[in-house]
Amino acid sequence: MASKLFVGNLPHSVTDASLSEFVVNAGFQVASALVIRDKLTGTPRGFGFVELGEGEDLQRAIAGLNGQACEGQALTVNEAKPQRTGFGRSHGGGGRDSYGRSGRGGRF
């Protein structure tokens, strides 16, 4: 199973290809690299993800890449966490607010 890295503090000039090349030049096989961009403007958000090739040691890659300079900026590299869904906790429906009113627009 491939391992995925979170790479933070990326310069805004870094592309998917240059991020992949940076990791390969550090001595690791790369399955994919993605620089995250703002959905509306398309500008890089300063972080990305790298999926390591089969057999690569995640902890060795983190140790080898964390703190390395990329275009003058020290990178922050950690294990990628699973993507969160939604924008917050779901409160469900049908409950009552702090005044005892139902959430359905009716009277008590």
PDB file of N, CA and C in Angstrom:
ATOM      1  N   MET A   1       0.842  -1.178   0.000  1.00  0.00           N
ATOM      2  CA  MET A   1       0.000   0.000   0.000  1.00  0.00           C
ATOM      3  C   MET A   1       0.887   1.241   0.000  1.00  0.00           C
ATOM      4  N   ALA A   2       0.562   2.198  -0.838  1.00  0.00           N
ATOM      5  CA  ALA A   2       1.344   3.424  -0.944  1.00  0.00           C
ATOM      6  C   ALA A   2       1.088   4.323   0.258  1.00  0.00           C
ATOM      7  N   SER A   3       2.051   5.180   0.565  1.00  0.00           N
ATOM      8  CA  SER A   3       1.949   6.104   1.684  1.00  0.00           C
ATOM      9  C   SER A   3       1.817   7.520   1.142  1.00  0.00           C
ATOM     10  N   LYS A   4       1.095   8.353   1.884  1.00  0.00           N
ATOM     11  CA  LYS A   4       0.850   9.717   1.421  1.00  0.00           C
ATOM     12  C   LYS A   4       1.416  10.722   2.415  1.00  0.00           C
ATOM     13  N   LEU A   5       2.121  11.713   1.870  1.00  0.00           N
ATOM     14  CA  LEU A   5       2.726  12.776   2.663  1.00  0.00           C
ATOM     15  C   LEU A   5       1.959  14.076   2.492  1.00  0.00           C
ATOM     16  N   PHE A   6       1.850  14.831   3.575  1.00  0.00           N
ATOM     17  CA  PHE A   6       1.400  16.219   3.527  1.00  0.00           C
ATOM     18  C   PHE A   6       2.668  17.055   3.451  1.00  0.00           C
ATOM     19  N   VAL A   7       2.730  17.983   2.506  1.00  0.00           N
ATOM     20  CA  VAL A   7       3.893  18.852   2.364  1.00  0.00           C
ATOM     21  C   VAL A   7       3.411  20.299   2.488  1.00  0.00           C
ATOM     22  N   GLY A   8       3.821  20.956   3.554  1.00  0.00           N
ATOM     23  CA  GLY A   8       3.387  22.317   3.818  1.00  0.00           C
ATOM     24  C   GLY A   8       4.500  23.330   3.633  1.00  0.00           C
ATOM     25  N   ASN A   9       4.119  24.599   3.609  1.00  0.00           N
ATOM     26  CA  ASN A   9       5.018  25.737   3.434  1.00  0.00           C
ATOM     27  C   ASN A   9       5.661  25.741   2.045  1.00  0.00           C
ATOM     28  N   LEU A  10       4.879  25.302   1.053  1.00  0.00           N
ATOM     29  CA  LEU A  10       5.379  25.302  -0.320  1.00  0.00           C
ATOM     30  C   LEU A  10       5.383  26.721  -0.879  1.00  0.00           C
ATOM     31  N   PRO A  11       6.434  27.084  -1.615  1.00  0.00           N
ATOM     32  CA  PRO A  11       6.421  28.362  -2.319  1.00  0.00           C
ATOM     33  C   PRO A  11       5.289  28.344  -3.357  1.00  0.00           C
ATOM     34  N   HIS A  12       4.714  29.486  -3.649  1.00  0.00           N
ATOM     35  CA  HIS A  12       3.589  29.541  -4.580  1.00  0.00           C
ATOM     36  C   HIS A  12       3.991  29.242  -6.022  1.00  0.00           C
ATOM     37  N   SER A  13       5.275  29.216  -6.302  1.00  0.00           N
ATOM     38  CA  SER A  13       5.736  28.907  -7.659  1.00  0.00           C
ATOM     39  C   SER A  13       5.841  27.405  -7.929  1.00  0.00           C
ATOM     40  N   VAL A  14       5.698  26.575  -6.897  1.00  0.00           N
ATOM     41  CA  VAL A  14       5.831  25.124  -7.050  1.00  0.00           C
ATOM     42  C   VAL A  14       4.610  24.557  -7.775  1.00  0.00           C
ATOM     43  N   THR A  15       4.883  23.673  -8.731  1.00  0.00           N
ATOM     44  CA  THR A  15       3.837  22.989  -9.492  1.00  0.00           C
ATOM     45  C   THR A  15       3.805  21.514  -9.082  1.00  0.00           C
ATOM     46  N   ASP A  16       2.816  20.788  -9.576  1.00  0.00           N
ATOM     47  CA  ASP A  16       2.752  19.348  -9.313  1.00  0.00           C
ATOM     48  C   ASP A  16       4.049  18.674  -9.765  1.00  0.00           C
ATOM     49  N   ALA A  17       4.492  19.023 -10.969  1.00  0.00           N
ATOM     50  CA  ALA A  17       5.697  18.412 -11.535  1.00  0.00           C
ATOM     51  C   ALA A  17       6.951  18.761 -10.739  1.00  0.00           C
ATOM     52  N   SER A  18       7.077  20.022 -10.332  1.00  0.00           N
ATOM     53  CA  SER A  18       8.287  20.406  -9.592  1.00  0.00           C
ATOM     54  C   SER A  18       8.286  19.819  -8.178  1.00  0.00           C
ATOM     55  N   LEU A  19       7.100  19.633  -7.576  1.00  0.00           N
ATOM     56  CA  LEU A  19       7.030  18.972  -6.264  1.00  0.00           C
ATOM     57  C   LEU A  19       7.453  17.514  -6.398  1.00  0.00           C
ATOM     58  N   SER A  20       6.960  16.844  -7.425  1.00  0.00           N
ATOM     59  CA  SER A  20       7.347  15.459  -7.670  1.00  0.00           C
ATOM     60  C   SER A  20       8.849  15.348  -7.889  1.00  0.00           C
ATOM     61  N   GLU A  21       9.390  16.242  -8.715  1.00  0.00           N
ATOM     62  CA  GLU A  21      10.824  16.250  -9.003  1.00  0.00           C
ATOM     63  C   GLU A  21      11.645  16.485  -7.735  1.00  0.00           C
ATOM     64  N   PHE A  22      11.191  17.389  -6.864  1.00  0.00           N
ATOM     65  CA  PHE A  22      11.889  17.672  -5.608  1.00  0.00           C
ATOM     66  C   PHE A  22      12.010  16.407  -4.758  1.00  0.00           C
ATOM     67  N   VAL A  23      10.905  15.660  -4.643  1.00  0.00           N
ATOM     68  CA  VAL A  23      10.894  14.447  -3.816  1.00  0.00           C
ATOM     69  C   VAL A  23      11.739  13.349  -4.457  1.00  0.00           C
ATOM     70  N   VAL A  24      11.667  13.218  -5.780  1.00  0.00           N
ATOM     71  CA  VAL A  24      12.487  12.226  -6.486  1.00  0.00           C
ATOM     72  C   VAL A  24      13.971  12.555  -6.308  1.00  0.00           C
ATOM     73  N   ASN A  25      14.333  13.830  -6.421  1.00  0.00           N
ATOM     74  CA  ASN A  25      15.734  14.238  -6.244  1.00  0.00           C
ATOM     75  C   ASN A  25      16.228  13.998  -4.821  1.00  0.00           C
ATOM     76  N   ALA A  26      15.311  13.908  -3.863  1.00  0.00           N
ATOM     77  CA  ALA A  26      15.688  13.599  -2.479  1.00  0.00           C
ATOM     78  C   ALA A  26      15.873  12.094  -2.279  1.00  0.00           C
ATOM     79  N   GLY A  27      15.566  11.310  -3.326  1.00  0.00           N
ATOM     80  CA  GLY A  27      15.839   9.878  -3.258  1.00  0.00           C
ATOM     81  C   GLY A  27      14.627   8.989  -3.016  1.00  0.00           C
ATOM     82  N   PHE A  28      13.428   9.497  -3.277  1.00  0.00           N
ATOM     83  CA  PHE A  28      12.212   8.712  -3.031  1.00  0.00           C
ATOM     84  C   PHE A  28      11.412   8.541  -4.315  1.00  0.00           C
ATOM     85  N   GLN A  29      10.777   7.384  -4.452  1.00  0.00           N
ATOM     86  CA  GLN A  29       9.911   7.143  -5.602  1.00  0.00           C
ATOM     87  C   GLN A  29       8.569   7.820  -5.370  1.00  0.00           C
ATOM     88  N   VAL A  30       8.026   8.430  -6.410  1.00  0.00           N
ATOM     89  CA  VAL A  30       6.765   9.154  -6.306  1.00  0.00           C
ATOM     90  C   VAL A  30       5.728   8.513  -7.236  1.00  0.00           C
ATOM     91  N   ALA A  31       4.544   8.217  -6.672  1.00  0.00           N
ATOM     92  CA  ALA A  31       3.432   7.722  -7.481  1.00  0.00           C
ATOM     93  C   ALA A  31       2.626   8.905  -8.022  1.00  0.00           C
ATOM     94  N   SER A  32       2.461   9.952  -7.196  1.00  0.00           N
ATOM     95  CA  SER A  32       1.743  11.151  -7.633  1.00  0.00           C
ATOM     96  C   SER A  32       2.089  12.314  -6.717  1.00  0.00           C
ATOM     97  N   ALA A  33       1.922  13.522  -7.245  1.00  0.00           N
ATOM     98  CA  ALA A  33       2.143  14.743  -6.469  1.00  0.00           C
ATOM     99  C   ALA A  33       1.076  15.749  -6.876  1.00  0.00           C
ATOM    100  N   LEU A  34       0.529  16.444  -5.888  1.00  0.00           N
ATOM    101  CA  LEU A  34      -0.541  17.397  -6.156  1.00  0.00           C
ATOM    102  C   LEU A  34      -0.373  18.622  -5.269  1.00  0.00           C
ATOM    103  N   VAL A  35      -0.255  19.787  -5.891  1.00  0.00           N
ATOM    104  CA  VAL A  35      -0.238  21.056  -5.172  1.00  0.00           C
ATOM    105  C   VAL A  35      -1.685  21.523  -5.102  1.00  0.00           C
ATOM    106  N   ILE A  36      -2.173  21.825  -3.908  1.00  0.00           N
ATOM    107  CA  ILE A  36      -3.561  22.230  -3.718  1.00  0.00           C
ATOM    108  C   ILE A  36      -3.720  23.699  -4.110  1.00  0.00           C
ATOM    109  N   ARG A  37      -4.777  23.961  -4.874  1.00  0.00           N
ATOM    110  CA  ARG A  37      -5.047  25.313  -5.373  1.00  0.00           C
ATOM    111  C   ARG A  37      -6.421  25.772  -4.911  1.00  0.00           C
ATOM    112  N   ASP A  38      -6.581  27.081  -4.783  1.00  0.00           N
ATOM    113  CA  ASP A  38      -7.863  27.669  -4.445  1.00  0.00           C
ATOM    114  C   ASP A  38      -8.856  27.371  -5.565  1.00  0.00           C
ATOM    115  N   LYS A  39     -10.052  26.927  -5.200  1.00  0.00           N
ATOM    116  CA  LYS A  39     -11.041  26.546  -6.213  1.00  0.00           C
ATOM    117  C   LYS A  39     -11.502  27.725  -7.061  1.00  0.00           C
ATOM    118  N   LEU A  40     -11.573  28.907  -6.486  1.00  0.00           N
ATOM    119  CA  LEU A  40     -12.066  30.065  -7.225  1.00  0.00           C
ATOM    120  C   LEU A  40     -10.986  30.759  -8.046  1.00  0.00           C
ATOM    121  N   THR A  41      -9.819  30.961  -7.455  1.00  0.00           N
ATOM    122  CA  THR A  41      -8.788  31.748  -8.130  1.00  0.00           C
ATOM    123  C   THR A  41      -7.727  30.896  -8.827  1.00  0.00           C
ATOM    124  N   GLY A  42      -7.574  29.650  -8.415  1.00  0.00           N
ATOM    125  CA  GLY A  42      -6.553  28.788  -9.002  1.00  0.00           C
ATOM    126  C   GLY A  42      -5.157  29.016  -8.454  1.00  0.00           C
ATOM    127  N   THR A  43      -5.017  29.922  -7.492  1.00  0.00           N
ATOM    128  CA  THR A  43      -3.692  30.180  -6.922  1.00  0.00           C
ATOM    129  C   THR A  43      -3.330  29.084  -5.923  1.00  0.00           C
ATOM    130  N   PRO A  44      -2.053  28.711  -5.862  1.00  0.00           N
ATOM    131  CA  PRO A  44      -1.621  27.678  -4.920  1.00  0.00           C
ATOM    132  C   PRO A  44      -1.888  28.108  -3.476  1.00  0.00           C
ATOM    133  N   ARG A  45      -2.260  27.144  -2.637  1.00  0.00           N
ATOM    134  CA  ARG A  45      -2.571  27.443  -1.243  1.00  0.00           C
ATOM    135  C   ARG A  45      -1.385  27.208  -0.307  1.00  0.00           C
ATOM    136  N   GLY A  46      -0.244  26.806  -0.851  1.00  0.00           N
ATOM    137  CA  GLY A  46       0.958  26.656  -0.032  1.00  0.00           C
ATOM    138  C   GLY A  46       1.159  25.279   0.557  1.00  0.00           C
ATOM    139  N   PHE A  47       0.377  24.297   0.107  1.00  0.00           N
ATOM    140  CA  PHE A  47       0.587  22.931   0.573  1.00  0.00           C
ATOM    141  C   PHE A  47       0.169  21.957  -0.515  1.00  0.00           C
ATOM    142  N   GLY A  48       0.582  20.713  -0.330  1.00  0.00           N
ATOM    143  CA  GLY A  48       0.249  19.695  -1.304  1.00  0.00           C
ATOM    144  C   GLY A  48       0.411  18.315  -0.709  1.00  0.00           C
ATOM    145  N   PHE A  49       0.221  17.313  -1.556  1.00  0.00           N
ATOM    146  CA  PHE A  49       0.307  15.923  -1.127  1.00  0.00           C
ATOM    147  C   PHE A  49       1.160  15.144  -2.113  1.00  0.00           C
ATOM    148  N   VAL A  50       1.942  14.224  -1.573  1.00  0.00           N
ATOM    149  CA  VAL A  50       2.780  13.351  -2.393  1.00  0.00           C
ATOM    150  C   VAL A  50       2.477  11.915  -1.987  1.00  0.00           C
ATOM    151  N   GLU A  51       2.098  11.115  -2.968  1.00  0.00           N
ATOM    152  CA  GLU A  51       1.911   9.693  -2.730  1.00  0.00           C
ATOM    153  C   GLU A  51       3.204   8.998  -3.120  1.00  0.00           C
ATOM    154  N   LEU A  52       3.803   8.327  -2.161  1.00  0.00           N
ATOM    155  CA  LEU A  52       5.074   7.649  -2.401  1.00  0.00           C
ATOM    156  C   LEU A  52       4.844   6.364  -3.174  1.00  0.00           C
ATOM    157  N   GLY A  53       5.867   5.936  -3.902  1.00  0.00           N
ATOM    158  CA  GLY A  53       5.806   4.690  -4.649  1.00  0.00           C
ATOM    159  C   GLY A  53       5.759   3.490  -3.713  1.00  0.00           C
ATOM    160  N   GLU A  54       5.334   2.361  -4.256  1.00  0.00           N
ATOM    161  CA  GLU A  54       5.259   1.116  -3.487  1.00  0.00           C
ATOM    162  C   GLU A  54       6.605   0.803  -2.841  1.00  0.00           C
ATOM    163  N   GLY A  55       6.557   0.405  -1.589  1.00  0.00           N
ATOM    164  CA  GLY A  55       7.753  -0.011  -0.881  1.00  0.00           C
ATOM    165  C   GLY A  55       8.526   1.108  -0.211  1.00  0.00           C
ATOM    166  N   GLU A  56       8.157   2.348  -0.452  1.00  0.00           N
ATOM    167  CA  GLU A  56       8.859   3.454   0.201  1.00  0.00           C
ATOM    168  C   GLU A  56       8.459   3.523   1.675  1.00  0.00           C
ATOM    169  N   ASP A  57       9.426   3.812   2.523  1.00  0.00           N
ATOM    170  CA  ASP A  57       9.196   3.923   3.964  1.00  0.00           C
ATOM    171  C   ASP A  57       8.725   5.338   4.296  1.00  0.00           C
ATOM    172  N   LEU A  58       7.501   5.437   4.794  1.00  0.00           N
ATOM    173  CA  LEU A  58       6.902   6.732   5.095  1.00  0.00           C
ATOM    174  C   LEU A  58       7.729   7.520   6.106  1.00  0.00           C
ATOM    175  N   GLN A  59       8.127   6.895   7.191  1.00  0.00           N
ATOM    176  CA  GLN A  59       8.879   7.601   8.233  1.00  0.00           C
ATOM    177  C   GLN A  59      10.254   8.055   7.739  1.00  0.00           C
ATOM    178  N   ARG A  60      10.876   7.254   6.907  1.00  0.00           N
ATOM    179  CA  ARG A  60      12.176   7.638   6.331  1.00  0.00           C
ATOM    180  C   ARG A  60      11.999   8.840   5.412  1.00  0.00           C
ATOM    181  N   ALA A  61      10.907   8.860   4.648  1.00  0.00           N
ATOM    182  CA  ALA A  61      10.639   9.989   3.762  1.00  0.00           C
ATOM    183  C   ALA A  61      10.363  11.260   4.555  1.00  0.00           C
ATOM    184  N   ILE A  62       9.591  11.142   5.623  1.00  0.00           N
ATOM    185  CA  ILE A  62       9.316  12.307   6.473  1.00  0.00           C
ATOM    186  C   ILE A  62      10.615  12.852   7.054  1.00  0.00           C
ATOM    187  N   ALA A  63      11.441  11.948   7.587  1.00  0.00           N
ATOM    188  CA  ALA A  63      12.713  12.372   8.174  1.00  0.00           C
ATOM    189  C   ALA A  63      13.631  13.002   7.128  1.00  0.00           C
ATOM    190  N   GLY A  64      13.591  12.492   5.907  1.00  0.00           N
ATOM    191  CA  GLY A  64      14.470  12.996   4.856  1.00  0.00           C
ATOM    192  C   GLY A  64      14.003  14.300   4.232  1.00  0.00           C
ATOM    193  N   LEU A  65      12.708  14.571   4.291  1.00  0.00           N
ATOM    194  CA  LEU A  65      12.172  15.757   3.617  1.00  0.00           C
ATOM    195  C   LEU A  65      11.802  16.903   4.552  1.00  0.00           C
ATOM    196  N   ASN A  66      11.397  16.609   5.781  1.00  0.00           N
ATOM    197  CA  ASN A  66      10.959  17.651   6.715  1.00  0.00           C
ATOM    198  C   ASN A  66      12.104  18.621   7.005  1.00  0.00           C
ATOM    199  N   GLY A  67      11.837  19.885   6.812  1.00  0.00           N
ATOM    200  CA  GLY A  67      12.850  20.913   7.067  1.00  0.00           C
ATOM    201  C   GLY A  67      13.737  21.226   5.873  1.00  0.00           C
ATOM    202  N   GLN A  68      13.654  20.433   4.800  1.00  0.00           N
ATOM    203  CA  GLN A  68      14.450  20.694   3.606  1.00  0.00           C
ATOM    204  C   GLN A  68      13.972  21.980   2.940  1.00  0.00           C
ATOM    205  N   ALA A  69      14.904  22.721   2.367  1.00  0.00           N
ATOM    206  CA  ALA A  69      14.567  23.986   1.711  1.00  0.00           C
ATOM    207  C   ALA A  69      14.134  23.742   0.278  1.00  0.00           C
ATOM    208  N   CYS A  70      13.008  24.336  -0.059  1.00  0.00           N
ATOM    209  CA  CYS A  70      12.501  24.311  -1.427  1.00  0.00           C
ATOM    210  C   CYS A  70      12.328  25.776  -1.841  1.00  0.00           C
ATOM    211  N   GLU A  71      13.165  26.218  -2.755  1.00  0.00           N
ATOM    212  CA  GLU A  71      13.164  27.618  -3.185  1.00  0.00           C
ATOM    213  C   GLU A  71      13.256  28.579  -1.995  1.00  0.00           C
ATOM    214  N   GLY A  72      14.102  28.216  -1.037  1.00  0.00           N
ATOM    215  CA  GLY A  72      14.361  29.076   0.105  1.00  0.00           C
ATOM    216  C   GLY A  72      13.405  28.941   1.278  1.00  0.00           C
ATOM    217  N   GLN A  73      12.419  28.088   1.166  1.00  0.00           N
ATOM    218  CA  GLN A  73      11.459  27.903   2.267  1.00  0.00           C
ATOM    219  C   GLN A  73      11.603  26.494   2.838  1.00  0.00           C
ATOM    220  N   ALA A  74      11.699  26.409   4.173  1.00  0.00           N
ATOM    221  CA  ALA A  74      11.796  25.109   4.839  1.00  0.00           C
ATOM    222  C   ALA A  74      10.433  24.424   4.819  1.00  0.00           C
ATOM    223  N   LEU A  75      10.386  23.222   4.275  1.00  0.00           N
ATOM    224  CA  LEU A  75       9.134  22.484   4.159  1.00  0.00           C
ATOM    225  C   LEU A  75       8.739  21.821   5.470  1.00  0.00           C
ATOM    226  N   THR A  76       7.446  21.687   5.661  1.00  0.00           N
ATOM    227  CA  THR A  76       6.892  20.919   6.771  1.00  0.00           C
ATOM    228  C   THR A  76       6.296  19.659   6.157  1.00  0.00           C
ATOM    229  N   VAL A  77       6.818  18.503   6.556  1.00  0.00           N
ATOM    230  CA  VAL A  77       6.365  17.246   5.967  1.00  0.00           C
ATOM    231  C   VAL A  77       5.890  16.320   7.069  1.00  0.00           C
ATOM    232  N   ASN A  78       4.661  15.831   6.911  1.00  0.00           N
ATOM    233  CA  ASN A  78       4.050  14.909   7.861  1.00  0.00           C
ATOM    234  C   ASN A  78       3.286  13.843   7.101  1.00  0.00           C
ATOM    235  N   GLU A  79       2.817  12.844   7.833  1.00  0.00           N
ATOM    236  CA  GLU A  79       1.923  11.858   7.233  1.00  0.00           C
ATOM    237  C   GLU A  79       0.592  12.544   6.950  1.00  0.00           C
ATOM    238  N   ALA A  80       0.044  12.326   5.765  1.00  0.00           N
ATOM    239  CA  ALA A  80      -1.243  12.924   5.401  1.00  0.00           C
ATOM    240  C   ALA A  80      -2.354  12.258   6.206  1.00  0.00           C
ATOM    241  N   LYS A  81      -3.278  13.072   6.678  1.00  0.00           N
ATOM    242  CA  LYS A  81      -4.440  12.580   7.424  1.00  0.00           C
ATOM    243  C   LYS A  81      -5.589  12.352   6.441  1.00  0.00           C
ATOM    244  N   PRO A  82      -6.511  11.457   6.774  1.00  0.00           N
ATOM    245  CA  PRO A  82      -7.674  11.268   5.893  1.00  0.00           C
ATOM    246  C   PRO A  82      -8.453  12.573   5.753  1.00  0.00           C
ATOM    247  N   GLN A  83      -9.032  12.777   4.574  1.00  0.00           N
ATOM    248  CA  GLN A  83      -9.775  14.005   4.302  1.00  0.00           C
ATOM    249  C   GLN A  83     -11.018  14.078   5.164  1.00  0.00           C
ATOM    250  N   ARG A  84     -11.247  15.272   5.742  1.00  0.00           N
ATOM    251  CA  ARG A  84     -12.456  15.501   6.536  1.00  0.00           C
ATOM    252  C   ARG A  84     -13.609  15.770   5.595  1.00  0.00           C
ATOM    253  N   THR A  85     -14.794  15.368   6.023  1.00  0.00           N
ATOM    254  CA  THR A  85     -15.966  15.647   5.207  1.00  0.00           C
ATOM    255  C   THR A  85     -16.813  16.694   5.903  1.00  0.00           C
ATOM    256  N   GLY A  86     -17.440  17.558   5.132  1.00  0.00           N
ATOM    257  CA  GLY A  86     -18.324  18.580   5.692  1.00  0.00           C
ATOM    258  C   GLY A  86     -17.566  19.744   6.277  1.00  0.00           C
ATOM    259  N   PHE A  87     -18.321  20.707   6.755  1.00  0.00           N
ATOM    260  CA  PHE A  87     -17.740  21.913   7.332  1.00  0.00           C
ATOM    261  C   PHE A  87     -17.985  22.017   8.817  1.00  0.00           C
ATOM    262  N   GLY A  88     -18.360  20.976   9.454  1.00  0.00           N
ATOM    263  CA  GLY A  88     -18.601  21.018  10.887  1.00  0.00           C
ATOM    264  C   GLY A  88     -19.485  19.863  11.289  1.00  0.00           C
ATOM    265  N   ARG A  89     -19.820  19.861  12.535  1.00  0.00           N
ATOM    266  CA  ARG A  89     -20.646  18.778  13.040  1.00  0.00           C
ATOM    267  C   ARG A  89     -22.074  18.948  12.565  1.00  0.00           C
ATOM    268  N   SER A  90     -22.680  17.838  12.283  1.00  0.00           N
ATOM    269  CA  SER A  90     -24.092  17.869  11.934  1.00  0.00           C
ATOM    270  C   SER A  90     -24.883  17.852  13.232  1.00  0.00           C
ATOM    271  N   HIS A  91     -25.828  18.743  13.342  1.00  0.00           N
ATOM    272  CA  HIS A  91     -26.626  18.807  14.560  1.00  0.00           C
ATOM    273  C   HIS A  91     -27.939  18.060  14.407  1.00  0.00           C
ATOM    274  N   GLY A  92     -28.186  17.519  13.237  1.00  0.00           N
ATOM    275  CA  GLY A  92     -29.423  16.782  13.022  1.00  0.00           C
ATOM    276  C   GLY A  92     -30.615  17.718  12.996  1.00  0.00           C
ATOM    277  N   GLY A  93     -31.766  17.157  12.853  1.00  0.00           N
ATOM    278  CA  GLY A  93     -32.958  17.988  12.802  1.00  0.00           C
ATOM    279  C   GLY A  93     -33.903  17.647  13.934  1.00  0.00           C
ATOM    280  N   GLY A  94     -34.892  18.475  14.100  1.00  0.00           N
ATOM    281  CA  GLY A  94     -35.931  18.176  15.066  1.00  0.00           C
ATOM    282  C   GLY A  94     -35.620  18.526  16.495  1.00  0.00           C
ATOM    283  N   GLY A  95     -34.451  19.070  16.752  1.00  0.00           N
ATOM    284  CA  GLY A  95     -34.113  19.424  18.120  1.00  0.00           C
ATOM    285  C   GLY A  95     -34.728  20.755  18.514  1.00  0.00           C
ATOM    286  N   ARG A  96     -34.456  21.163  19.707  1.00  0.00           N
ATOM    287  CA  ARG A  96     -34.957  22.453  20.186  1.00  0.00           C
ATOM    288  C   ARG A  96     -33.777  23.347  20.487  1.00  0.00           C
ATOM    289  N   ASP A  97     -33.962  24.656  20.249  1.00  0.00           N
ATOM    290  CA  ASP A  97     -32.885  25.591  20.540  1.00  0.00           C
ATOM    291  C   ASP A  97     -32.897  25.941  22.030  1.00  0.00           C
ATOM    292  N   SER A  98     -32.060  26.877  22.414  1.00  0.00           N
ATOM    293  CA  SER A  98     -31.941  27.216  23.837  1.00  0.00           C
ATOM    294  C   SER A  98     -33.190  27.889  24.400  1.00  0.00           C
ATOM    295  N   TYR A  99     -34.128  28.296  23.535  1.00  0.00           N
ATOM    296  CA  TYR A  99     -35.366  28.914  24.001  1.00  0.00           C
ATOM    297  C   TYR A  99     -36.529  27.916  24.003  1.00  0.00           C
ATOM    298  N   GLY A 100     -36.243  26.646  23.685  1.00  0.00           N
ATOM    299  CA  GLY A 100     -37.275  25.634  23.694  1.00  0.00           C
ATOM    300  C   GLY A 100     -38.071  25.545  22.412  1.00  0.00           C
ATOM    301  N   ARG A 101     -37.647  26.292  21.389  1.00  0.00           N
ATOM    302  CA  ARG A 101     -38.363  26.261  20.115  1.00  0.00           C
ATOM    303  C   ARG A 101     -37.859  25.102  19.280  1.00  0.00           C
ATOM    304  N   SER A 102     -38.763  24.516  18.507  1.00  0.00           N
ATOM    305  CA  SER A 102     -38.332  23.438  17.625  1.00  0.00           C
ATOM    306  C   SER A 102     -37.641  24.032  16.412  1.00  0.00           C
ATOM    307  N   GLY A 103     -36.855  23.222  15.740  1.00  0.00           N
ATOM    308  CA  GLY A 103     -36.147  23.679  14.554  1.00  0.00           C
ATOM    309  C   GLY A 103     -36.983  23.622  13.298  1.00  0.00           C
ATOM    310  N   ARG A 104     -38.264  23.356  13.420  1.00  0.00           N
ATOM    311  CA  ARG A 104     -39.114  23.195  12.242  1.00  0.00           C
ATOM    312  C   ARG A 104     -39.984  24.411  11.947  1.00  0.00           C
ATOM    313  N   GLY A 105     -39.785  25.499  12.664  1.00  0.00           N
ATOM    314  CA  GLY A 105     -40.513  26.721  12.382  1.00  0.00           C
ATOM    315  C   GLY A 105     -41.884  26.789  13.024  1.00  0.00           C
ATOM    316  N   GLY A 106     -42.301  25.760  13.683  1.00  0.00           N
ATOM    317  CA  GLY A 106     -43.616  25.773  14.327  1.00  0.00           C
ATOM    318  C   GLY A 106     -43.532  26.250  15.758  1.00  0.00           C
ATOM    319  N   ARG A 107     -44.673  26.338  16.394  1.00  0.00           N
ATOM    320  CA  ARG A 107     -44.682  26.698  17.810  1.00  0.00           C
ATOM    321  C   ARG A 107     -44.332  25.464  18.610  1.00  0.00           C
ATOM    322  N   PHE A 108     -43.977  25.642  19.835  1.00  0.00           N
ATOM    323  CA  PHE A 108     -43.531  24.565  20.726  1.00  0.00           C
ATOM    324  C   PHE A 108     -44.177  23.295  20.322  1.00  0.00           C
TER     325      PHE A 108
END
